[in-house]
């Protein structure tokens, strides 16, 4: 019986236990109730011209398409640019 693989496995297992490898999770809550980009955040169009919008109306092309609870929100609406515009890619990044 060859015990070498078992010893190797146990050594690796002990190494992981020793260093306690853990992922870090950050939970972020942003309500966007100020209807504007929060301080320190960035809103960048990576491809195209449309970026994230903030406010009560979820679409400039469809008035009164509001959030269910009546509070402001962040929304991305590239449909307003029309069908002839290529896909937009946008980044909304937090400072964390």
PDB file of N, CA and C in Angstrom:
ATOM      1  N   UNK A   1       0.844  -1.182   0.000  1.00  0.00           N
ATOM      2  CA  UNK A   1       0.000   0.000   0.000  1.00  0.00           C
ATOM      3  C   UNK A   1       0.888   1.243   0.000  1.00  0.00           C
ATOM      4  N   UNK A   2       0.631   2.133  -0.936  1.00  0.00           N
ATOM      5  CA  UNK A   2       1.421   3.346  -1.077  1.00  0.00           C
ATOM      6  C   UNK A   2       0.747   4.485  -0.310  1.00  0.00           C
ATOM      7  N   UNK A   3       1.419   4.997   0.716  1.00  0.00           N
ATOM      8  CA  UNK A   3       0.853   6.062   1.552  1.00  0.00           C
ATOM      9  C   UNK A   3       1.310   7.454   1.137  1.00  0.00           C
ATOM     10  N   UNK A   4       2.148   7.538   0.121  1.00  0.00           N
ATOM     11  CA  UNK A   4       2.667   8.837  -0.297  1.00  0.00           C
ATOM     12  C   UNK A   4       1.566   9.822  -0.701  1.00  0.00           C
ATOM     13  N   UNK A   5       0.594   9.463  -1.549  1.00  0.00           N
ATOM     14  CA  UNK A   5      -0.459  10.428  -1.889  1.00  0.00           C
ATOM     15  C   UNK A   5      -1.251  10.889  -0.667  1.00  0.00           C
ATOM     16  N   UNK A   6      -1.470  10.002   0.279  1.00  0.00           N
ATOM     17  CA  UNK A   6      -2.206  10.369   1.483  1.00  0.00           C
ATOM     18  C   UNK A   6      -1.416  11.365   2.317  1.00  0.00           C
ATOM     19  N   UNK A   7      -0.116  11.150   2.460  1.00  0.00           N
ATOM     20  CA  UNK A   7       0.723  12.082   3.216  1.00  0.00           C
ATOM     21  C   UNK A   7       0.775  13.442   2.535  1.00  0.00           C
ATOM     22  N   UNK A   8       0.865  13.436   1.203  1.00  0.00           N
ATOM     23  CA  UNK A   8       0.883  14.689   0.460  1.00  0.00           C
ATOM     24  C   UNK A   8      -0.429  15.453   0.652  1.00  0.00           C
ATOM     25  N   UNK A   9      -1.541  14.742   0.536  1.00  0.00           N
ATOM     26  CA  UNK A   9      -2.850  15.359   0.720  1.00  0.00           C
ATOM     27  C   UNK A   9      -2.985  15.945   2.118  1.00  0.00           C
ATOM     28  N   UNK A  10      -2.571  15.211   3.109  1.00  0.00           N
ATOM     29  CA  UNK A  10      -2.664  15.687   4.491  1.00  0.00           C
ATOM     30  C   UNK A  10      -1.772  16.909   4.711  1.00  0.00           C
ATOM     31  N   UNK A  11      -0.601  16.927   4.065  1.00  0.00           N
ATOM     32  CA  UNK A  11       0.299  18.082   4.194  1.00  0.00           C
ATOM     33  C   UNK A  11      -0.344  19.331   3.604  1.00  0.00           C
ATOM     34  N   UNK A  12      -0.958  19.185   2.431  1.00  0.00           N
ATOM     35  CA  UNK A  12      -1.620  20.320   1.795  1.00  0.00           C
ATOM     36  C   UNK A  12      -2.813  20.775   2.635  1.00  0.00           C
ATOM     37  N   UNK A  13      -3.572  19.825   3.156  1.00  0.00           N
ATOM     38  CA  UNK A  13      -4.720  20.158   3.986  1.00  0.00           C
ATOM     39  C   UNK A  13      -4.289  20.919   5.240  1.00  0.00           C
ATOM     40  N   UNK A  14      -3.220  20.495   5.849  1.00  0.00           N
ATOM     41  CA  UNK A  14      -2.709  21.180   7.048  1.00  0.00           C
ATOM     42  C   UNK A  14      -2.212  22.582   6.699  1.00  0.00           C
ATOM     43  N   UNK A  15      -1.610  22.731   5.520  1.00  0.00           N
ATOM     44  CA  UNK A  15      -1.128  24.038   5.095  1.00  0.00           C
ATOM     45  C   UNK A  15      -2.298  25.012   4.936  1.00  0.00           C
ATOM     46  N   UNK A  16      -3.371  24.560   4.307  1.00  0.00           N
ATOM     47  CA  UNK A  16      -4.552  25.414   4.168  1.00  0.00           C
ATOM     48  C   UNK A  16      -5.153  25.753   5.525  1.00  0.00           C
ATOM     49  N   UNK A  17      -5.205  24.778   6.420  1.00  0.00           N
ATOM     50  CA  UNK A  17      -5.760  25.025   7.752  1.00  0.00           C
ATOM     51  C   UNK A  17      -4.890  26.013   8.524  1.00  0.00           C
ATOM     52  N   UNK A  18      -3.585  25.918   8.336  1.00  0.00           N
ATOM     53  CA  UNK A  18      -2.662  26.802   9.041  1.00  0.00           C
ATOM     54  C   UNK A  18      -2.853  28.255   8.616  1.00  0.00           C
ATOM     55  N   UNK A  19      -2.981  28.485   7.327  1.00  0.00           N
ATOM     56  CA  UNK A  19      -3.112  29.855   6.827  1.00  0.00           C
ATOM     57  C   UNK A  19      -4.547  30.361   6.826  1.00  0.00           C
ATOM     58  N   UNK A  20      -5.501  29.490   7.071  1.00  0.00           N
ATOM     59  CA  UNK A  20      -6.912  29.871   7.116  1.00  0.00           C
ATOM     60  C   UNK A  20      -7.294  30.736   5.912  1.00  0.00           C
ATOM     61  N   UNK A  21      -7.175  30.152   4.748  1.00  0.00           N
ATOM     62  CA  UNK A  21      -7.493  30.882   3.526  1.00  0.00           C
ATOM     63  C   UNK A  21      -8.982  31.170   3.466  1.00  0.00           C
ATOM     64  N   UNK A  22      -9.310  32.437   3.512  1.00  0.00           N
ATOM     65  CA  UNK A  22     -10.706  32.865   3.477  1.00  0.00           C
ATOM     66  C   UNK A  22     -10.888  33.946   2.424  1.00  0.00           C
ATOM     67  N   UNK A  23     -11.999  33.905   1.748  1.00  0.00           N
ATOM     68  CA  UNK A  23     -12.351  34.982   0.828  1.00  0.00           C
ATOM     69  C   UNK A  23     -12.948  36.123   1.638  1.00  0.00           C
ATOM     70  N   UNK A  24     -12.751  37.329   1.158  1.00  0.00           N
ATOM     71  CA  UNK A  24     -13.332  38.484   1.833  1.00  0.00           C
ATOM     72  C   UNK A  24     -14.549  38.945   1.060  1.00  0.00           C
ATOM     73  N   UNK A  25     -15.621  39.139   1.764  1.00  0.00           N
ATOM     74  CA  UNK A  25     -16.859  39.609   1.160  1.00  0.00           C
ATOM     75  C   UNK A  25     -17.179  40.997   1.685  1.00  0.00           C
ATOM     76  N   UNK A  26     -17.514  41.888   0.771  1.00  0.00           N
ATOM     77  CA  UNK A  26     -17.958  43.218   1.148  1.00  0.00           C
ATOM     78  C   UNK A  26     -19.416  43.349   0.725  1.00  0.00           C
ATOM     79  N   UNK A  27     -20.249  43.688   1.651  1.00  0.00           N
ATOM     80  CA  UNK A  27     -21.662  43.890   1.351  1.00  0.00           C
ATOM     81  C   UNK A  27     -21.917  45.389   1.338  1.00  0.00           C
ATOM     82  N   UNK A  28     -22.461  45.847   0.257  1.00  0.00           N
ATOM     83  CA  UNK A  28     -22.657  47.265   0.062  1.00  0.00           C
ATOM     84  C   UNK A  28     -24.138  47.537  -0.169  1.00  0.00           C
ATOM     85  N   UNK A  29     -24.643  48.538   0.497  1.00  0.00           N
ATOM     86  CA  UNK A  29     -26.031  48.940   0.299  1.00  0.00           C
ATOM     87  C   UNK A  29     -26.032  50.382  -0.178  1.00  0.00           C
ATOM     88  N   UNK A  30     -26.642  50.606  -1.316  1.00  0.00           N
ATOM     89  CA  UNK A  30     -26.807  51.957  -1.845  1.00  0.00           C
ATOM     90  C   UNK A  30     -28.233  52.073  -2.355  1.00  0.00           C
ATOM     91  N   UNK A  31     -28.973  53.026  -1.831  1.00  0.00           N
ATOM     92  CA  UNK A  31     -30.379  53.171  -2.208  1.00  0.00           C
ATOM     93  C   UNK A  31     -30.562  54.059  -3.435  1.00  0.00           C
ATOM     94  N   UNK A  32     -29.589  54.903  -3.748  1.00  0.00           N
ATOM     95  CA  UNK A  32     -29.674  55.882  -4.834  1.00  0.00           C
ATOM     96  C   UNK A  32     -30.828  56.858  -4.628  1.00  0.00           C
ATOM     97  N   UNK A  33     -31.257  57.029  -3.386  1.00  0.00           N
ATOM     98  CA  UNK A  33     -32.367  57.932  -3.087  1.00  0.00           C
ATOM     99  C   UNK A  33     -32.033  59.399  -3.345  1.00  0.00           C
ATOM    100  N   UNK A  34     -30.760  59.728  -3.476  1.00  0.00           N
ATOM    101  CA  UNK A  34     -30.378  61.114  -3.790  1.00  0.00           C
ATOM    102  C   UNK A  34     -30.533  61.402  -5.279  1.00  0.00           C
ATOM    103  N   UNK A  35     -30.854  60.359  -6.068  1.00  0.00           N
ATOM    104  CA  UNK A  35     -31.055  60.488  -7.523  1.00  0.00           C
ATOM    105  C   UNK A  35     -29.820  61.062  -8.222  1.00  0.00           C
ATOM    106  N   UNK A  36     -28.642  60.695  -7.719  1.00  0.00           N
ATOM    107  CA  UNK A  36     -27.393  61.143  -8.329  1.00  0.00           C
ATOM    108  C   UNK A  36     -26.300  60.110  -8.050  1.00  0.00           C
ATOM    109  N   UNK A  37     -25.189  60.249  -8.741  1.00  0.00           N
ATOM    110  CA  UNK A  37     -24.051  59.355  -8.543  1.00  0.00           C
ATOM    111  C   UNK A  37     -23.495  59.571  -7.137  1.00  0.00           C
ATOM    112  N   UNK A  38     -23.383  58.515  -6.323  1.00  0.00           N
ATOM    113  CA  UNK A  38     -22.855  58.668  -4.966  1.00  0.00           C
ATOM    114  C   UNK A  38     -21.398  59.152  -4.970  1.00  0.00           C
ATOM    115  N   UNK A  39     -21.007  59.821  -3.929  1.00  0.00           N
ATOM    116  CA  UNK A  39     -19.650  60.350  -3.791  1.00  0.00           C
ATOM    117  C   UNK A  39     -18.634  59.214  -3.894  1.00  0.00           C
ATOM    118  N   UNK A  40     -17.624  59.406  -4.721  1.00  0.00           N
ATOM    119  CA  UNK A  40     -16.553  58.434  -4.881  1.00  0.00           C
ATOM    120  C   UNK A  40     -16.818  57.375  -5.944  1.00  0.00           C
ATOM    121  N   UNK A  41     -18.027  57.282  -6.428  1.00  0.00           N
ATOM    122  CA  UNK A  41     -18.370  56.297  -7.456  1.00  0.00           C
ATOM    123  C   UNK A  41     -17.994  56.842  -8.825  1.00  0.00           C
ATOM    124  N   UNK A  42     -17.821  55.937  -9.800  1.00  0.00           N
ATOM    125  CA  UNK A  42     -17.576  56.367 -11.178  1.00  0.00           C
ATOM    126  C   UNK A  42     -18.603  55.739 -12.108  1.00  0.00           C
ATOM    127  N   UNK A  43     -18.975  56.476 -13.127  1.00  0.00           N
ATOM    128  CA  UNK A  43     -19.984  56.071 -14.099  1.00  0.00           C
ATOM    129  C   UNK A  43     -19.357  56.269 -15.472  1.00  0.00           C
ATOM    130  N   UNK A  44     -18.905  55.187 -16.109  1.00  0.00           N
ATOM    131  CA  UNK A  44     -18.112  55.287 -17.322  1.00  0.00           C
ATOM    132  C   UNK A  44     -18.727  54.497 -18.465  1.00  0.00           C
ATOM    133  N   UNK A  45     -18.862  55.113 -19.624  1.00  0.00           N
ATOM    134  CA  UNK A  45     -19.287  54.413 -20.836  1.00  0.00           C
ATOM    135  C   UNK A  45     -18.053  53.745 -21.438  1.00  0.00           C
ATOM    136  N   UNK A  46     -18.033  52.418 -21.447  1.00  0.00           N
ATOM    137  CA  UNK A  46     -16.898  51.672 -21.996  1.00  0.00           C
ATOM    138  C   UNK A  46     -17.010  51.529 -23.508  1.00  0.00           C
ATOM    139  N   UNK A  47     -18.225  51.381 -23.984  1.00  0.00           N
ATOM    140  CA  UNK A  47     -18.500  51.267 -25.417  1.00  0.00           C
ATOM    141  C   UNK A  47     -19.832  51.960 -25.669  1.00  0.00           C
ATOM    142  N   UNK A  48     -19.850  52.970 -26.516  1.00  0.00           N
ATOM    143  CA  UNK A  48     -21.066  53.738 -26.740  1.00  0.00           C
ATOM    144  C   UNK A  48     -21.044  55.021 -25.928  1.00  0.00           C
ATOM    145  N   UNK A  49     -22.207  55.646 -25.821  1.00  0.00           N
ATOM    146  CA  UNK A  49     -22.277  56.940 -25.147  1.00  0.00           C
ATOM    147  C   UNK A  49     -23.195  56.942 -23.932  1.00  0.00           C
ATOM    148  N   UNK A  50     -24.074  55.977 -23.828  1.00  0.00           N
ATOM    149  CA  UNK A  50     -25.055  55.963 -22.734  1.00  0.00           C
ATOM    150  C   UNK A  50     -24.405  55.466 -21.443  1.00  0.00           C
ATOM    151  N   UNK A  51     -24.667  56.144 -20.332  1.00  0.00           N
ATOM    152  CA  UNK A  51     -24.175  55.721 -19.014  1.00  0.00           C
ATOM    153  C   UNK A  51     -25.371  55.466 -18.105  1.00  0.00           C
ATOM    154  N   UNK A  52     -25.097  55.106 -16.859  1.00  0.00           N
ATOM    155  CA  UNK A  52     -26.167  54.910 -15.879  1.00  0.00           C
ATOM    156  C   UNK A  52     -26.845  56.241 -15.607  1.00  0.00           C
ATOM    157  N   UNK A  53     -28.143  56.196 -15.382  1.00  0.00           N
ATOM    158  CA  UNK A  53     -28.931  57.375 -15.016  1.00  0.00           C
ATOM    159  C   UNK A  53     -29.493  57.165 -13.613  1.00  0.00           C
ATOM    160  N   UNK A  54     -29.895  58.244 -12.991  1.00  0.00           N
ATOM    161  CA  UNK A  54     -30.414  58.184 -11.624  1.00  0.00           C
ATOM    162  C   UNK A  54     -31.676  59.021 -11.549  1.00  0.00           C
ATOM    163  N   UNK A  55     -32.685  58.515 -10.880  1.00  0.00           N
ATOM    164  CA  UNK A  55     -33.916  59.262 -10.718  1.00  0.00           C
ATOM    165  C   UNK A  55     -35.124  58.371 -10.531  1.00  0.00           C
ATOM    166  N   UNK A  56     -36.302  58.964 -10.610  1.00  0.00           N
ATOM    167  CA  UNK A  56     -37.552  58.222 -10.440  1.00  0.00           C
ATOM    168  C   UNK A  56     -37.976  57.491 -11.704  1.00  0.00           C
ATOM    169  N   UNK A  57     -37.789  58.147 -12.855  1.00  0.00           N
ATOM    170  CA  UNK A  57     -38.222  57.563 -14.120  1.00  0.00           C
ATOM    171  C   UNK A  57     -37.187  56.571 -14.629  1.00  0.00           C
ATOM    172  N   UNK A  58     -37.594  55.339 -14.912  1.00  0.00           N
ATOM    173  CA  UNK A  58     -36.685  54.292 -15.363  1.00  0.00           C
ATOM    174  C   UNK A  58     -36.347  54.333 -16.826  1.00  0.00           C
ATOM    175  N   UNK A  59     -36.907  55.275 -17.584  1.00  0.00           N
ATOM    176  CA  UNK A  59     -36.609  55.351 -19.005  1.00  0.00           C
ATOM    177  C   UNK A  59     -37.033  56.702 -19.541  1.00  0.00           C
ATOM    178  N   UNK A  60     -36.134  57.348 -20.255  1.00  0.00           N
ATOM    179  CA  UNK A  60     -36.478  58.636 -20.859  1.00  0.00           C
ATOM    180  C   UNK A  60     -37.469  58.446 -22.001  1.00  0.00           C
ATOM    181  N   UNK A  61     -37.469  57.270 -22.626  1.00  0.00           N
ATOM    182  CA  UNK A  61     -38.361  57.006 -23.743  1.00  0.00           C
ATOM    183  C   UNK A  61     -39.748  56.565 -23.339  1.00  0.00           C
ATOM    184  N   UNK A  62     -39.925  56.228 -22.075  1.00  0.00           N
ATOM    185  CA  UNK A  62     -41.216  55.772 -21.571  1.00  0.00           C
ATOM    186  C   UNK A  62     -41.526  56.519 -20.275  1.00  0.00           C
ATOM    187  N   UNK A  63     -42.064  57.711 -20.364  1.00  0.00           N
ATOM    188  CA  UNK A  63     -42.332  58.513 -19.167  1.00  0.00           C
ATOM    189  C   UNK A  63     -43.223  57.771 -18.155  1.00  0.00           C
ATOM    190  N   UNK A  64     -43.042  58.092 -16.930  1.00  0.00           N
ATOM    191  CA  UNK A  64     -43.797  57.525 -15.802  1.00  0.00           C
ATOM    192  C   UNK A  64     -43.569  56.029 -15.607  1.00  0.00           C
ATOM    193  N   UNK A  65     -42.429  55.545 -16.070  1.00  0.00           N
ATOM    194  CA  UNK A  65     -42.031  54.157 -15.840  1.00  0.00           C
ATOM    195  C   UNK A  65     -41.224  54.136 -14.538  1.00  0.00           C
ATOM    196  N   UNK A  66     -41.901  54.384 -13.435  1.00  0.00           N
ATOM    197  CA  UNK A  66     -41.224  54.645 -12.172  1.00  0.00           C
ATOM    198  C   UNK A  66     -40.965  53.384 -11.357  1.00  0.00           C
ATOM    199  N   UNK A  67     -40.072  53.544 -10.393  1.00  0.00           N
ATOM    200  CA  UNK A  67     -39.769  52.494  -9.446  1.00  0.00           C
ATOM    201  C   UNK A  67     -41.044  52.126  -8.678  1.00  0.00           C
ATOM    202  N   UNK A  68     -41.166  50.890  -8.292  1.00  0.00           N
ATOM    203  CA  UNK A  68     -42.386  50.420  -7.637  1.00  0.00           C
ATOM    204  C   UNK A  68     -42.719  51.135  -6.332  1.00  0.00           C
ATOM    205  N   UNK A  69     -41.694  51.478  -5.550  1.00  0.00           N
ATOM    206  CA  UNK A  69     -41.992  52.109  -4.256  1.00  0.00           C
ATOM    207  C   UNK A  69     -41.874  53.629  -4.288  1.00  0.00           C
ATOM    208  N   UNK A  70     -41.673  54.221  -5.471  1.00  0.00           N
ATOM    209  CA  UNK A  70     -41.647  55.678  -5.593  1.00  0.00           C
ATOM    210  C   UNK A  70     -40.347  56.335  -5.189  1.00  0.00           C
ATOM    211  N   UNK A  71     -39.297  55.562  -4.939  1.00  0.00           N
ATOM    212  CA  UNK A  71     -38.003  56.140  -4.586  1.00  0.00           C
ATOM    213  C   UNK A  71     -37.105  56.162  -5.820  1.00  0.00           C
ATOM    214  N   UNK A  72     -36.039  56.941  -5.747  1.00  0.00           N
ATOM    215  CA  UNK A  72     -35.103  57.046  -6.861  1.00  0.00           C
ATOM    216  C   UNK A  72     -34.332  55.736  -7.033  1.00  0.00           C
ATOM    217  N   UNK A  73     -33.752  55.572  -8.216  1.00  0.00           N
ATOM    218  CA  UNK A  73     -33.007  54.347  -8.524  1.00  0.00           C
ATOM    219  C   UNK A  73     -31.919  54.661  -9.550  1.00  0.00           C
ATOM    220  N   UNK A  74     -31.024  53.712  -9.734  1.00  0.00           N
ATOM    221  CA  UNK A  74     -30.048  53.764 -10.818  1.00  0.00           C
ATOM    222  C   UNK A  74     -30.583  52.871 -11.924  1.00  0.00           C
ATOM    223  N   UNK A  75     -30.511  53.343 -13.172  1.00  0.00           N
ATOM    224  CA  UNK A  75     -30.991  52.527 -14.287  1.00  0.00           C
ATOM    225  C   UNK A  75     -30.138  52.785 -15.528  1.00  0.00           C
ATOM    226  N   UNK A  76     -30.094  51.776 -16.378  1.00  0.00           N
ATOM    227  CA  UNK A  76     -29.334  51.851 -17.629  1.00  0.00           C
ATOM    228  C   UNK A  76     -30.303  51.601 -18.770  1.00  0.00           C
ATOM    229  N   UNK A  77     -30.452  52.572 -19.644  1.00  0.00           N
ATOM    230  CA  UNK A  77     -31.424  52.469 -20.730  1.00  0.00           C
ATOM    231  C   UNK A  77     -30.761  52.841 -22.051  1.00  0.00           C
ATOM    232  N   UNK A  78     -30.192  51.845 -22.741  1.00  0.00           N
ATOM    233  CA  UNK A  78     -29.598  52.146 -24.039  1.00  0.00           C
ATOM    234  C   UNK A  78     -30.623  52.031 -25.166  1.00  0.00           C
ATOM    235  N   UNK A  79     -31.844  51.590 -24.873  1.00  0.00           N
ATOM    236  CA  UNK A  79     -32.892  51.515 -25.892  1.00  0.00           C
ATOM    237  C   UNK A  79     -33.281  52.899 -26.407  1.00  0.00           C
ATOM    238  N   UNK A  80     -33.115  53.922 -25.584  1.00  0.00           N
ATOM    239  CA  UNK A  80     -33.494  55.281 -25.969  1.00  0.00           C
ATOM    240  C   UNK A  80     -32.651  55.784 -27.143  1.00  0.00           C
ATOM    241  N   UNK A  81     -31.476  55.174 -27.363  1.00  0.00           N
ATOM    242  CA  UNK A  81     -30.600  55.595 -28.453  1.00  0.00           C
ATOM    243  C   UNK A  81     -31.072  55.094 -29.815  1.00  0.00           C
ATOM    244  N   UNK A  82     -31.962  54.101 -29.828  1.00  0.00           N
ATOM    245  CA  UNK A  82     -32.497  53.587 -31.081  1.00  0.00           C
ATOM    246  C   UNK A  82     -31.839  52.287 -31.514  1.00  0.00           C
ATOM    247  N   UNK A  83     -32.471  51.621 -32.469  1.00  0.00           N
ATOM    248  CA  UNK A  83     -32.017  50.304 -32.921  1.00  0.00           C
ATOM    249  C   UNK A  83     -30.736  50.361 -33.749  1.00  0.00           C
ATOM    250  N   UNK A  84     -30.438  51.498 -34.359  1.00  0.00           N
ATOM    251  CA  UNK A  84     -29.261  51.582 -35.227  1.00  0.00           C
ATOM    252  C   UNK A  84     -27.952  51.744 -34.449  1.00  0.00           C
ATOM    253  N   UNK A  85     -28.028  51.961 -33.155  1.00  0.00           N
ATOM    254  CA  UNK A  85     -26.836  52.161 -32.329  1.00  0.00           C
ATOM    255  C   UNK A  85     -26.321  50.810 -31.854  1.00  0.00           C
ATOM    256  N   UNK A  86     -25.000  50.623 -31.915  1.00  0.00           N
ATOM    257  CA  UNK A  86     -24.417  49.360 -31.448  1.00  0.00           C
ATOM    258  C   UNK A  86     -24.565  49.231 -29.936  1.00  0.00           C
ATOM    259  N   UNK A  87     -24.322  48.040 -29.450  1.00  0.00           N
ATOM    260  CA  UNK A  87     -24.471  47.772 -28.013  1.00  0.00           C
ATOM    261  C   UNK A  87     -23.584  48.691 -27.182  1.00  0.00           C
ATOM    262  N   UNK A  88     -24.113  49.117 -26.063  1.00  0.00           N
ATOM    263  CA  UNK A  88     -23.382  49.929 -25.107  1.00  0.00           C
ATOM    264  C   UNK A  88     -22.921  49.054 -23.960  1.00  0.00           C
ATOM    265  N   UNK A  89     -21.751  49.353 -23.443  1.00  0.00           N
ATOM    266  CA  UNK A  89     -21.247  48.705 -22.232  1.00  0.00           C
ATOM    267  C   UNK A  89     -20.848  49.813 -21.286  1.00  0.00           C
ATOM    268  N   UNK A  90     -21.278  49.685 -20.045  1.00  0.00           N
ATOM    269  CA  UNK A  90     -21.059  50.759 -19.082  1.00  0.00           C
ATOM    270  C   UNK A  90     -20.621  50.161 -17.753  1.00  0.00           C
ATOM    271  N   UNK A  91     -19.824  50.914 -17.010  1.00  0.00           N
ATOM    272  CA  UNK A  91     -19.341  50.463 -15.704  1.00  0.00           C
ATOM    273  C   UNK A  91     -19.785  51.456 -14.639  1.00  0.00           C
ATOM    274  N   UNK A  92     -20.418  50.949 -13.599  1.00  0.00           N
ATOM    275  CA  UNK A  92     -20.773  51.742 -12.419  1.00  0.00           C
ATOM    276  C   UNK A  92     -19.971  51.141 -11.283  1.00  0.00           C
ATOM    277  N   UNK A  93     -18.930  51.845 -10.846  1.00  0.00           N
ATOM    278  CA  UNK A  93     -17.978  51.296  -9.887  1.00  0.00           C
ATOM    279  C   UNK A  93     -18.011  52.024  -8.552  1.00  0.00           C
ATOM    280  N   UNK A  94     -17.907  51.235  -7.483  1.00  0.00           N
ATOM    281  CA  UNK A  94     -17.850  51.787  -6.136  1.00  0.00           C
ATOM    282  C   UNK A  94     -16.411  52.082  -5.756  1.00  0.00           C
ATOM    283  N   UNK A  95     -16.178  52.916  -4.754  1.00  0.00           N
ATOM    284  CA  UNK A  95     -14.802  53.191  -4.330  1.00  0.00           C
ATOM    285  C   UNK A  95     -14.189  52.062  -3.517  1.00  0.00           C
ATOM    286  N   UNK A  96     -14.959  51.067  -3.120  1.00  0.00           N
ATOM    287  CA  UNK A  96     -14.445  49.967  -2.294  1.00  0.00           C
ATOM    288  C   UNK A  96     -13.833  48.922  -3.171  1.00  0.00           C
TER     289      UNK A  96
END
